[in-house]
Amino acid sequence: MERTALTAVTRRRETGRGEVERFAYANHNGTAGGMMAAMPMPGVPSMWLPYVHVDDIAAATAQARSLGAEIVRDVTEVPGYGWFSIIKDPTGAGLGLWKPAPDA
């Protein structure tokens, strides 16, 4: 099995609403990322949201919609990192779709 180094970057971002978001991005034979808001939404328990890497974020999001998924967050750019969308399947399970920027 080929081994490569794991690289990770963490950024802080002021939201303009008095909150700080943290975005972490790691790369090891693929991509992974995560974001934490400073304050959770009222009434929403802590949870994990898995992300999957896609080659075409717009097409993958559209396909999910056509197959019955609810689009919770449409395609959104994370400047310098890539694009994501968040979907909820017909059973209510959430999943993030992720397309890294070419130079990320």
PDB file of N, CA and C in Angstrom:
ATOM      1  N   MET A   1       0.836  -1.172   0.000  1.00  0.00           N
ATOM      2  CA  MET A   1       0.000   0.000   0.000  1.00  0.00           C
ATOM      3  C   MET A   1       0.887   1.243   0.000  1.00  0.00           C
ATOM      4  N   GLU A   2       0.602   2.144  -0.900  1.00  0.00           N
ATOM      5  CA  GLU A   2       1.348   3.396  -0.973  1.00  0.00           C
ATOM      6  C   GLU A   2       0.981   4.297   0.200  1.00  0.00           C
ATOM      7  N   ARG A   3       1.966   4.925   0.790  1.00  0.00           N
ATOM      8  CA  ARG A   3       1.704   5.844   1.903  1.00  0.00           C
ATOM      9  C   ARG A   3       2.131   7.245   1.488  1.00  0.00           C
ATOM     10  N   THR A   4       1.284   8.191   1.791  1.00  0.00           N
ATOM     11  CA  THR A   4       1.616   9.579   1.516  1.00  0.00           C
ATOM     12  C   THR A   4       1.394  10.383   2.780  1.00  0.00           C
ATOM     13  N   ALA A   5       1.984  11.551   2.810  1.00  0.00           N
ATOM     14  CA  ALA A   5       1.856  12.400   3.993  1.00  0.00           C
ATOM     15  C   ALA A   5       0.447  12.973   4.086  1.00  0.00           C
ATOM     16  N   LEU A   6      -0.016  13.124   5.295  1.00  0.00           N
ATOM     17  CA  LEU A   6      -1.294  13.772   5.555  1.00  0.00           C
ATOM     18  C   LEU A   6      -1.019  15.251   5.770  1.00  0.00           C
ATOM     19  N   THR A   7      -1.676  16.084   4.995  1.00  0.00           N
ATOM     20  CA  THR A   7      -1.524  17.521   5.175  1.00  0.00           C
ATOM     21  C   THR A   7      -2.847  18.090   5.642  1.00  0.00           C
ATOM     22  N   ALA A   8      -2.794  19.035   6.537  1.00  0.00           N
ATOM     23  CA  ALA A   8      -4.028  19.628   7.057  1.00  0.00           C
ATOM     24  C   ALA A   8      -3.851  21.130   7.202  1.00  0.00           C
ATOM     25  N   VAL A   9      -4.911  21.840   6.948  1.00  0.00           N
ATOM     26  CA  VAL A   9      -4.934  23.290   7.078  1.00  0.00           C
ATOM     27  C   VAL A   9      -6.174  23.649   7.880  1.00  0.00           C
ATOM     28  N   THR A  10      -6.044  24.552   8.825  1.00  0.00           N
ATOM     29  CA  THR A  10      -7.193  25.032   9.578  1.00  0.00           C
ATOM     30  C   THR A  10      -7.253  26.536   9.444  1.00  0.00           C
ATOM     31  N   ARG A  11      -8.428  27.051   9.141  1.00  0.00           N
ATOM     32  CA  ARG A  11      -8.633  28.493   9.018  1.00  0.00           C
ATOM     33  C   ARG A  11      -9.739  28.934   9.939  1.00  0.00           C
ATOM     34  N   ARG A  12      -9.616  30.144  10.445  1.00  0.00           N
ATOM     35  CA  ARG A  12     -10.692  30.786  11.215  1.00  0.00           C
ATOM     36  C   ARG A  12     -11.315  31.851  10.333  1.00  0.00           C
ATOM     37  N   ARG A  13     -12.616  32.010  10.463  1.00  0.00           N
ATOM     38  CA  ARG A  13     -13.297  33.008   9.657  1.00  0.00           C
ATOM     39  C   ARG A  13     -14.375  33.665  10.506  1.00  0.00           C
ATOM     40  N   GLU A  14     -14.350  35.000  10.552  1.00  0.00           N
ATOM     41  CA  GLU A  14     -15.408  35.754  11.224  1.00  0.00           C
ATOM     42  C   GLU A  14     -16.626  35.754  10.312  1.00  0.00           C
ATOM     43  N   THR A  15     -17.794  35.487  10.859  1.00  0.00           N
ATOM     44  CA  THR A  15     -18.999  35.414  10.043  1.00  0.00           C
ATOM     45  C   THR A  15     -19.673  36.768   9.871  1.00  0.00           C
ATOM     46  N   GLY A  16     -19.291  37.752  10.684  1.00  0.00           N
ATOM     47  CA  GLY A  16     -19.963  39.045  10.636  1.00  0.00           C
ATOM     48  C   GLY A  16     -21.172  39.082  11.553  1.00  0.00           C
ATOM     49  N   ARG A  17     -21.469  37.959  12.206  1.00  0.00           N
ATOM     50  CA  ARG A  17     -22.591  37.894  13.143  1.00  0.00           C
ATOM     51  C   ARG A  17     -22.077  37.624  14.552  1.00  0.00           C
ATOM     52  N   GLY A  18     -20.804  37.933  14.778  1.00  0.00           N
ATOM     53  CA  GLY A  18     -20.222  37.711  16.094  1.00  0.00           C
ATOM     54  C   GLY A  18     -19.829  36.268  16.347  1.00  0.00           C
ATOM     55  N   GLU A  19     -19.759  35.462  15.291  1.00  0.00           N
ATOM     56  CA  GLU A  19     -19.397  34.062  15.423  1.00  0.00           C
ATOM     57  C   GLU A  19     -18.085  33.803  14.694  1.00  0.00           C
ATOM     58  N   VAL A  20     -17.439  32.735  15.047  1.00  0.00           N
ATOM     59  CA  VAL A  20     -16.228  32.305  14.356  1.00  0.00           C
ATOM     60  C   VAL A  20     -16.455  30.890  13.860  1.00  0.00           C
ATOM     61  N   GLU A  21     -16.186  30.657  12.588  1.00  0.00           N
ATOM     62  CA  GLU A  21     -16.266  29.315  12.035  1.00  0.00           C
ATOM     63  C   GLU A  21     -14.849  28.808  11.822  1.00  0.00           C
ATOM     64  N   ARG A  22     -14.662  27.527  11.967  1.00  0.00           N
ATOM     65  CA  ARG A  22     -13.376  26.907  11.693  1.00  0.00           C
ATOM     66  C   ARG A  22     -13.578  25.877  10.589  1.00  0.00           C
ATOM     67  N   PHE A  23     -12.688  25.919   9.605  1.00  0.00           N
ATOM     68  CA  PHE A  23     -12.744  24.973   8.503  1.00  0.00           C
ATOM     69  C   PHE A  23     -11.440  24.211   8.486  1.00  0.00           C
ATOM     70  N   ALA A  24     -11.512  22.897   8.495  1.00  0.00           N
ATOM     71  CA  ALA A  24     -10.312  22.063   8.439  1.00  0.00           C
ATOM     72  C   ALA A  24     -10.357  21.247   7.157  1.00  0.00           C
ATOM     73  N   TYR A  25      -9.231  21.141   6.503  1.00  0.00           N
ATOM     74  CA  TYR A  25      -9.133  20.418   5.235  1.00  0.00           C
ATOM     75  C   TYR A  25      -7.918  19.516   5.314  1.00  0.00           C
ATOM     76  N   ALA A  26      -8.096  18.252   5.006  1.00  0.00           N
ATOM     77  CA  ALA A  26      -6.983  17.311   5.034  1.00  0.00           C
ATOM     78  C   ALA A  26      -6.936  16.553   3.714  1.00  0.00           C
ATOM     79  N   ASN A  27      -5.753  16.106   3.334  1.00  0.00           N
ATOM     80  CA  ASN A  27      -5.596  15.369   2.093  1.00  0.00           C
ATOM     81  C   ASN A  27      -4.707  14.157   2.336  1.00  0.00           C
ATOM     82  N   HIS A  28      -5.237  12.982   2.055  1.00  0.00           N
ATOM     83  CA  HIS A  28      -4.474  11.738   2.141  1.00  0.00           C
ATOM     84  C   HIS A  28      -5.100  10.759   1.154  1.00  0.00           C
ATOM     85  N   ASN A  29      -4.501  10.653  -0.029  1.00  0.00           N
ATOM     86  CA  ASN A  29      -5.048   9.786  -1.078  1.00  0.00           C
ATOM     87  C   ASN A  29      -6.527  10.087  -1.318  1.00  0.00           C
ATOM     88  N   GLY A  30      -6.886  11.327  -1.354  1.00  0.00           N
ATOM     89  CA  GLY A  30      -8.268  11.769  -1.489  1.00  0.00           C
ATOM     90  C   GLY A  30      -8.429  13.025  -0.668  1.00  0.00           C
ATOM     91  N   THR A  31      -9.638  13.409  -0.400  1.00  0.00           N
ATOM     92  CA  THR A  31      -9.844  14.624   0.369  1.00  0.00           C
ATOM     93  C   THR A  31     -10.851  14.408   1.467  1.00  0.00           C
ATOM     94  N   ALA A  32     -10.763  15.236   2.470  1.00  0.00           N
ATOM     95  CA  ALA A  32     -11.735  15.251   3.558  1.00  0.00           C
ATOM     96  C   ALA A  32     -11.748  16.660   4.119  1.00  0.00           C
ATOM     97  N   GLY A  33     -12.821  17.049   4.687  1.00  0.00           N
ATOM     98  CA  GLY A  33     -12.905  18.385   5.259  1.00  0.00           C
ATOM     99  C   GLY A  33     -13.968  18.427   6.334  1.00  0.00           C
ATOM    100  N   GLY A  34     -13.984  19.492   7.086  1.00  0.00           N
ATOM    101  CA  GLY A  34     -14.992  19.656   8.114  1.00  0.00           C
ATOM    102  C   GLY A  34     -15.088  21.106   8.520  1.00  0.00           C
ATOM    103  N   MET A  35     -16.216  21.468   9.041  1.00  0.00           N
ATOM    104  CA  MET A  35     -16.423  22.840   9.475  1.00  0.00           C
ATOM    105  C   MET A  35     -17.134  22.819  10.816  1.00  0.00           C
ATOM    106  N   MET A  36     -16.727  23.692  11.721  1.00  0.00           N
ATOM    107  CA  MET A  36     -17.375  23.807  13.018  1.00  0.00           C
ATOM    108  C   MET A  36     -17.822  25.245  13.223  1.00  0.00           C
ATOM    109  N   ALA A  37     -19.064  25.422  13.558  1.00  0.00           N
ATOM    110  CA  ALA A  37     -19.555  26.748  13.912  1.00  0.00           C
ATOM    111  C   ALA A  37     -19.274  26.971  15.389  1.00  0.00           C
ATOM    112  N   ALA A  38     -19.061  28.216  15.758  1.00  0.00           N
ATOM    113  CA  ALA A  38     -18.768  28.539  17.144  1.00  0.00           C
ATOM    114  C   ALA A  38     -19.942  28.203  18.052  1.00  0.00           C
ATOM    115  N   MET A  39     -21.157  28.407  17.559  1.00  0.00           N
ATOM    116  CA  MET A  39     -22.346  28.125  18.351  1.00  0.00           C
ATOM    117  C   MET A  39     -23.284  27.261  17.518  1.00  0.00           C
ATOM    118  N   PRO A  40     -23.727  26.106  18.060  1.00  0.00           N
ATOM    119  CA  PRO A  40     -24.652  25.279  17.289  1.00  0.00           C
ATOM    120  C   PRO A  40     -26.012  25.962  17.161  1.00  0.00           C
ATOM    121  N   MET A  41     -26.776  25.528  16.190  1.00  0.00           N
ATOM    122  CA  MET A  41     -28.118  26.071  16.017  1.00  0.00           C
ATOM    123  C   MET A  41     -28.995  25.602  17.175  1.00  0.00           C
ATOM    124  N   PRO A  42     -29.852  26.463  17.683  1.00  0.00           N
ATOM    125  CA  PRO A  42     -30.726  26.064  18.801  1.00  0.00           C
ATOM    126  C   PRO A  42     -31.563  24.838  18.447  1.00  0.00           C
ATOM    127  N   GLY A  43     -31.590  23.878  19.338  1.00  0.00           N
ATOM    128  CA  GLY A  43     -32.411  22.695  19.140  1.00  0.00           C
ATOM    129  C   GLY A  43     -31.803  21.623  18.257  1.00  0.00           C
ATOM    130  N   VAL A  44     -30.618  21.862  17.704  1.00  0.00           N
ATOM    131  CA  VAL A  44     -29.978  20.866  16.845  1.00  0.00           C
ATOM    132  C   VAL A  44     -28.850  20.202  17.634  1.00  0.00           C
ATOM    133  N   PRO A  45     -28.933  18.880  17.828  1.00  0.00           N
ATOM    134  CA  PRO A  45     -27.883  18.203  18.594  1.00  0.00           C
ATOM    135  C   PRO A  45     -26.581  18.112  17.797  1.00  0.00           C
ATOM    136  N   SER A  46     -25.489  17.855  18.500  1.00  0.00           N
ATOM    137  CA  SER A  46     -24.211  17.627  17.830  1.00  0.00           C
ATOM    138  C   SER A  46     -24.342  16.417  16.916  1.00  0.00           C
ATOM    139  N   MET A  47     -23.622  16.449  15.796  1.00  0.00           N
ATOM    140  CA  MET A  47     -23.704  15.343  14.848  1.00  0.00           C
ATOM    141  C   MET A  47     -22.470  15.329  13.973  1.00  0.00           C
ATOM    142  N   TRP A  48     -22.260  14.219  13.288  1.00  0.00           N
ATOM    143  CA  TRP A  48     -21.240  14.096  12.265  1.00  0.00           C
ATOM    144  C   TRP A  48     -21.932  14.227  10.918  1.00  0.00           C
ATOM    145  N   LEU A  49     -21.262  14.864   9.968  1.00  0.00           N
ATOM    146  CA  LEU A  49     -21.790  14.941   8.609  1.00  0.00           C
ATOM    147  C   LEU A  49     -20.699  14.461   7.666  1.00  0.00           C
ATOM    148  N   PRO A  50     -20.833  13.238   7.137  1.00  0.00           N
ATOM    149  CA  PRO A  50     -19.810  12.751   6.210  1.00  0.00           C
ATOM    150  C   PRO A  50     -19.897  13.483   4.874  1.00  0.00           C
ATOM    151  N   TYR A  51     -18.741  13.675   4.260  1.00  0.00           N
ATOM    152  CA  TYR A  51     -18.647  14.280   2.930  1.00  0.00           C
ATOM    153  C   TYR A  51     -18.038  13.264   1.973  1.00  0.00           C
ATOM    154  N   VAL A  52     -18.484  13.291   0.730  1.00  0.00           N
ATOM    155  CA  VAL A  52     -17.883  12.456  -0.303  1.00  0.00           C
ATOM    156  C   VAL A  52     -17.336  13.353  -1.412  1.00  0.00           C
ATOM    157  N   HIS A  53     -16.226  12.955  -1.972  1.00  0.00           N
ATOM    158  CA  HIS A  53     -15.575  13.690  -3.048  1.00  0.00           C
ATOM    159  C   HIS A  53     -16.324  13.417  -4.346  1.00  0.00           C
ATOM    160  N   VAL A  54     -16.639  14.471  -5.091  1.00  0.00           N
ATOM    161  CA  VAL A  54     -17.295  14.329  -6.399  1.00  0.00           C
ATOM    162  C   VAL A  54     -16.486  15.097  -7.437  1.00  0.00           C
ATOM    163  N   ASP A  55     -16.558  14.658  -8.680  1.00  0.00           N
ATOM    164  CA  ASP A  55     -15.832  15.327  -9.753  1.00  0.00           C
ATOM    165  C   ASP A  55     -16.563  16.565 -10.265  1.00  0.00           C
ATOM    166  N   ASP A  56     -17.895  16.554 -10.212  1.00  0.00           N
ATOM    167  CA  ASP A  56     -18.701  17.669 -10.712  1.00  0.00           C
ATOM    168  C   ASP A  56     -19.774  17.964  -9.676  1.00  0.00           C
ATOM    169  N   ILE A  57     -19.550  18.979  -8.852  1.00  0.00           N
ATOM    170  CA  ILE A  57     -20.443  19.278  -7.732  1.00  0.00           C
ATOM    171  C   ILE A  57     -21.849  19.650  -8.196  1.00  0.00           C
ATOM    172  N   ALA A  58     -21.953  20.440  -9.267  1.00  0.00           N
ATOM    173  CA  ALA A  58     -23.276  20.850  -9.759  1.00  0.00           C
ATOM    174  C   ALA A  58     -24.060  19.645 -10.276  1.00  0.00           C
ATOM    175  N   ALA A  59     -23.398  18.783 -11.041  1.00  0.00           N
ATOM    176  CA  ALA A  59     -24.070  17.608 -11.595  1.00  0.00           C
ATOM    177  C   ALA A  59     -24.459  16.624 -10.493  1.00  0.00           C
ATOM    178  N   ALA A  60     -23.583  16.419  -9.517  1.00  0.00           N
ATOM    179  CA  ALA A  60     -23.878  15.490  -8.422  1.00  0.00           C
ATOM    180  C   ALA A  60     -25.050  15.994  -7.578  1.00  0.00           C
ATOM    181  N   THR A  61     -25.087  17.295  -7.326  1.00  0.00           N
ATOM    182  CA  THR A  61     -26.187  17.880  -6.558  1.00  0.00           C
ATOM    183  C   THR A  61     -27.498  17.764  -7.331  1.00  0.00           C
ATOM    184  N   ALA A  62     -27.454  18.044  -8.622  1.00  0.00           N
ATOM    185  CA  ALA A  62     -28.653  17.922  -9.462  1.00  0.00           C
ATOM    186  C   ALA A  62     -29.131  16.478  -9.525  1.00  0.00           C
ATOM    187  N   GLN A  63     -28.210  15.539  -9.627  1.00  0.00           N
ATOM    188  CA  GLN A  63     -28.592  14.127  -9.678  1.00  0.00           C
ATOM    189  C   GLN A  63     -29.239  13.703  -8.358  1.00  0.00           C
ATOM    190  N   ALA A  64     -28.667  14.151  -7.237  1.00  0.00           N
ATOM    191  CA  ALA A  64     -29.259  13.824  -5.940  1.00  0.00           C
ATOM    192  C   ALA A  64     -30.696  14.340  -5.869  1.00  0.00           C
ATOM    193  N   ARG A  65     -30.899  15.581  -6.323  1.00  0.00           N
ATOM    194  CA  ARG A  65     -32.250  16.165  -6.337  1.00  0.00           C
ATOM    195  C   ARG A  65     -33.194  15.315  -7.188  1.00  0.00           C
ATOM    196  N   SER A  66     -32.730  14.898  -8.373  1.00  0.00           N
ATOM    197  CA  SER A  66     -33.579  14.121  -9.275  1.00  0.00           C
ATOM    198  C   SER A  66     -33.934  12.750  -8.707  1.00  0.00           C
ATOM    199  N   LEU A  67     -33.106  12.255  -7.781  1.00  0.00           N
ATOM    200  CA  LEU A  67     -33.357  10.950  -7.166  1.00  0.00           C
ATOM    201  C   LEU A  67     -34.142  11.056  -5.858  1.00  0.00           C
ATOM    202  N   GLY A  68     -34.589  12.273  -5.530  1.00  0.00           N
ATOM    203  CA  GLY A  68     -35.454  12.443  -4.359  1.00  0.00           C
ATOM    204  C   GLY A  68     -34.813  13.084  -3.145  1.00  0.00           C
ATOM    205  N   ALA A  69     -33.548  13.482  -3.239  1.00  0.00           N
ATOM    206  CA  ALA A  69     -32.899  14.131  -2.094  1.00  0.00           C
ATOM    207  C   ALA A  69     -33.397  15.565  -1.938  1.00  0.00           C
ATOM    208  N   GLU A  70     -33.432  16.023  -0.704  1.00  0.00           N
ATOM    209  CA  GLU A  70     -33.703  17.427  -0.414  1.00  0.00           C
ATOM    210  C   GLU A  70     -32.364  18.155  -0.393  1.00  0.00           C
ATOM    211  N   ILE A  71     -32.274  19.290  -1.054  1.00  0.00           N
ATOM    212  CA  ILE A  71     -31.037  20.066  -1.050  1.00  0.00           C
ATOM    213  C   ILE A  71     -31.096  21.001   0.157  1.00  0.00           C
ATOM    214  N   VAL A  72     -30.301  20.687   1.168  1.00  0.00           N
ATOM    215  CA  VAL A  72     -30.269  21.480   2.394  1.00  0.00           C
ATOM    216  C   VAL A  72     -29.456  22.748   2.174  1.00  0.00           C
ATOM    217  N   ARG A  73     -28.332  22.610   1.479  1.00  0.00           N
ATOM    218  CA  ARG A  73     -27.471  23.741   1.124  1.00  0.00           C
ATOM    219  C   ARG A  73     -27.008  23.517  -0.308  1.00  0.00           C
ATOM    220  N   ASP A  74     -27.391  24.425  -1.193  1.00  0.00           N
ATOM    221  CA  ASP A  74     -27.000  24.269  -2.596  1.00  0.00           C
ATOM    222  C   ASP A  74     -25.500  24.523  -2.738  1.00  0.00           C
ATOM    223  N   VAL A  75     -24.974  24.318  -3.902  1.00  0.00           N
ATOM    224  CA  VAL A  75     -23.533  24.458  -4.146  1.00  0.00           C
ATOM    225  C   VAL A  75     -23.035  25.798  -3.612  1.00  0.00           C
ATOM    226  N   THR A  76     -22.026  25.732  -2.753  1.00  0.00           N
ATOM    227  CA  THR A  76     -21.461  26.898  -2.083  1.00  0.00           C
ATOM    228  C   THR A  76     -19.949  26.836  -2.175  1.00  0.00           C
ATOM    229  N   GLU A  77     -19.328  27.949  -2.521  1.00  0.00           N
ATOM    230  CA  GLU A  77     -17.864  27.991  -2.609  1.00  0.00           C
ATOM    231  C   GLU A  77     -17.254  28.238  -1.241  1.00  0.00           C
ATOM    232  N   VAL A  78     -16.171  27.533  -0.950  1.00  0.00           N
ATOM    233  CA  VAL A  78     -15.320  27.805   0.201  1.00  0.00           C
ATOM    234  C   VAL A  78     -14.035  28.357  -0.415  1.00  0.00           C
ATOM    235  N   PRO A  79     -13.879  29.697  -0.461  1.00  0.00           N
ATOM    236  CA  PRO A  79     -12.762  30.300  -1.187  1.00  0.00           C
ATOM    237  C   PRO A  79     -11.402  29.700  -0.810  1.00  0.00           C
ATOM    238  N   GLY A  80     -10.687  29.296  -1.835  1.00  0.00           N
ATOM    239  CA  GLY A  80      -9.360  28.729  -1.639  1.00  0.00           C
ATOM    240  C   GLY A  80      -9.350  27.229  -1.387  1.00  0.00           C
ATOM    241  N   TYR A  81     -10.525  26.629  -1.178  1.00  0.00           N
ATOM    242  CA  TYR A  81     -10.586  25.198  -0.873  1.00  0.00           C
ATOM    243  C   TYR A  81     -11.408  24.401  -1.876  1.00  0.00           C
ATOM    244  N   GLY A  82     -12.586  24.904  -2.248  1.00  0.00           N
ATOM    245  CA  GLY A  82     -13.431  24.152  -3.166  1.00  0.00           C
ATOM    246  C   GLY A  82     -14.888  24.525  -3.011  1.00  0.00           C
ATOM    247  N   TRP A  83     -15.766  23.568  -3.312  1.00  0.00           N
ATOM    248  CA  TRP A  83     -17.211  23.786  -3.290  1.00  0.00           C
ATOM    249  C   TRP A  83     -17.869  22.613  -2.583  1.00  0.00           C
ATOM    250  N   PHE A  84     -18.999  22.884  -1.906  1.00  0.00           N
ATOM    251  CA  PHE A  84     -19.740  21.821  -1.257  1.00  0.00           C
ATOM    252  C   PHE A  84     -21.236  22.048  -1.417  1.00  0.00           C
ATOM    253  N   SER A  85     -21.983  20.995  -1.216  1.00  0.00           N
ATOM    254  CA  SER A  85     -23.426  21.083  -1.053  1.00  0.00           C
ATOM    255  C   SER A  85     -23.790  20.056   0.016  1.00  0.00           C
ATOM    256  N   ILE A  86     -24.958  20.229   0.619  1.00  0.00           N
ATOM    257  CA  ILE A  86     -25.426  19.305   1.642  1.00  0.00           C
ATOM    258  C   ILE A  86     -26.805  18.813   1.223  1.00  0.00           C
ATOM    259  N   ILE A  87     -26.962  17.504   1.239  1.00  0.00           N
ATOM    260  CA  ILE A  87     -28.226  16.904   0.837  1.00  0.00           C
ATOM    261  C   ILE A  87     -28.788  16.066   1.983  1.00  0.00           C
ATOM    262  N   LYS A  88     -30.090  15.800   1.911  1.00  0.00           N
ATOM    263  CA  LYS A  88     -30.746  14.901   2.855  1.00  0.00           C
ATOM    264  C   LYS A  88     -31.512  13.878   2.034  1.00  0.00           C
ATOM    265  N   ASP A  89     -31.203  12.609   2.251  1.00  0.00           N
ATOM    266  CA  ASP A  89     -31.867  11.579   1.456  1.00  0.00           C
ATOM    267  C   ASP A  89     -33.313  11.404   1.924  1.00  0.00           C
ATOM    268  N   PRO A  90     -34.114  10.641   1.182  1.00  0.00           N
ATOM    269  CA  PRO A  90     -35.527  10.502   1.531  1.00  0.00           C
ATOM    270  C   PRO A  90     -35.784   9.937   2.933  1.00  0.00           C
ATOM    271  N   THR A  91     -34.791   9.270   3.543  1.00  0.00           N
ATOM    272  CA  THR A  91     -34.970   8.754   4.904  1.00  0.00           C
ATOM    273  C   THR A  91     -34.584   9.775   5.963  1.00  0.00           C
ATOM    274  N   GLY A  92     -34.018  10.924   5.530  1.00  0.00           N
ATOM    275  CA  GLY A  92     -33.624  11.974   6.473  1.00  0.00           C
ATOM    276  C   GLY A  92     -32.142  12.010   6.793  1.00  0.00           C
ATOM    277  N   ALA A  93     -31.357  11.098   6.226  1.00  0.00           N
ATOM    278  CA  ALA A  93     -29.910  11.070   6.486  1.00  0.00           C
ATOM    279  C   ALA A  93     -29.215  12.175   5.688  1.00  0.00           C
ATOM    280  N   GLY A  94     -28.308  12.892   6.342  1.00  0.00           N
ATOM    281  CA  GLY A  94     -27.572  13.965   5.685  1.00  0.00           C
ATOM    282  C   GLY A  94     -26.257  13.497   5.113  1.00  0.00           C
ATOM    283  N   LEU A  95     -25.835  14.159   4.041  1.00  0.00           N
ATOM    284  CA  LEU A  95     -24.563  13.844   3.388  1.00  0.00           C
ATOM    285  C   LEU A  95     -24.047  15.108   2.709  1.00  0.00           C
ATOM    286  N   GLY A  96     -22.762  15.362   2.846  1.00  0.00           N
ATOM    287  CA  GLY A  96     -22.147  16.482   2.153  1.00  0.00           C
ATOM    288  C   GLY A  96     -21.445  16.012   0.890  1.00  0.00           C
ATOM    289  N   LEU A  97     -21.507  16.822  -0.149  1.00  0.00           N
ATOM    290  CA  LEU A  97     -20.775  16.564  -1.380  1.00  0.00           C
ATOM    291  C   LEU A  97     -19.656  17.599  -1.455  1.00  0.00           C
ATOM    292  N   TRP A  98     -18.464  17.205  -1.872  1.00  0.00           N
ATOM    293  CA  TRP A  98     -17.294  18.079  -1.850  1.00  0.00           C
ATOM    294  C   TRP A  98     -16.517  17.992  -3.151  1.00  0.00           C
ATOM    295  N   LYS A  99     -16.197  19.136  -3.730  1.00  0.00           N
ATOM    296  CA  LYS A  99     -15.344  19.232  -4.921  1.00  0.00           C
ATOM    297  C   LYS A  99     -14.199  20.163  -4.568  1.00  0.00           C
ATOM    298  N   PRO A 100     -12.973  19.644  -4.405  1.00  0.00           N
ATOM    299  CA  PRO A 100     -11.852  20.526  -4.057  1.00  0.00           C
ATOM    300  C   PRO A 100     -11.460  21.435  -5.214  1.00  0.00           C
ATOM    301  N   ALA A 101     -10.941  22.599  -4.876  1.00  0.00           N
ATOM    302  CA  ALA A 101     -10.406  23.509  -5.883  1.00  0.00           C
ATOM    303  C   ALA A 101      -9.195  22.842  -6.538  1.00  0.00           C
ATOM    304  N   PRO A 102      -8.914  23.146  -7.803  1.00  0.00           N
ATOM    305  CA  PRO A 102      -7.801  22.500  -8.501  1.00  0.00           C
ATOM    306  C   PRO A 102      -6.452  22.648  -7.798  1.00  0.00           C
ATOM    307  N   ASP A 103      -6.239  23.770  -7.131  1.00  0.00           N
ATOM    308  CA  ASP A 103      -4.939  24.004  -6.475  1.00  0.00           C
ATOM    309  C   ASP A 103      -4.976  23.778  -4.970  1.00  0.00           C
ATOM    310  N   ALA A 104      -6.066  23.204  -4.454  1.00  0.00           N
ATOM    311  CA  ALA A 104      -6.176  22.984  -3.001  1.00  0.00           C
ATOM    312  C   ALA A 104      -5.474  21.720  -2.584  1.00  0.00           C
TER     313      ALA A 104
END
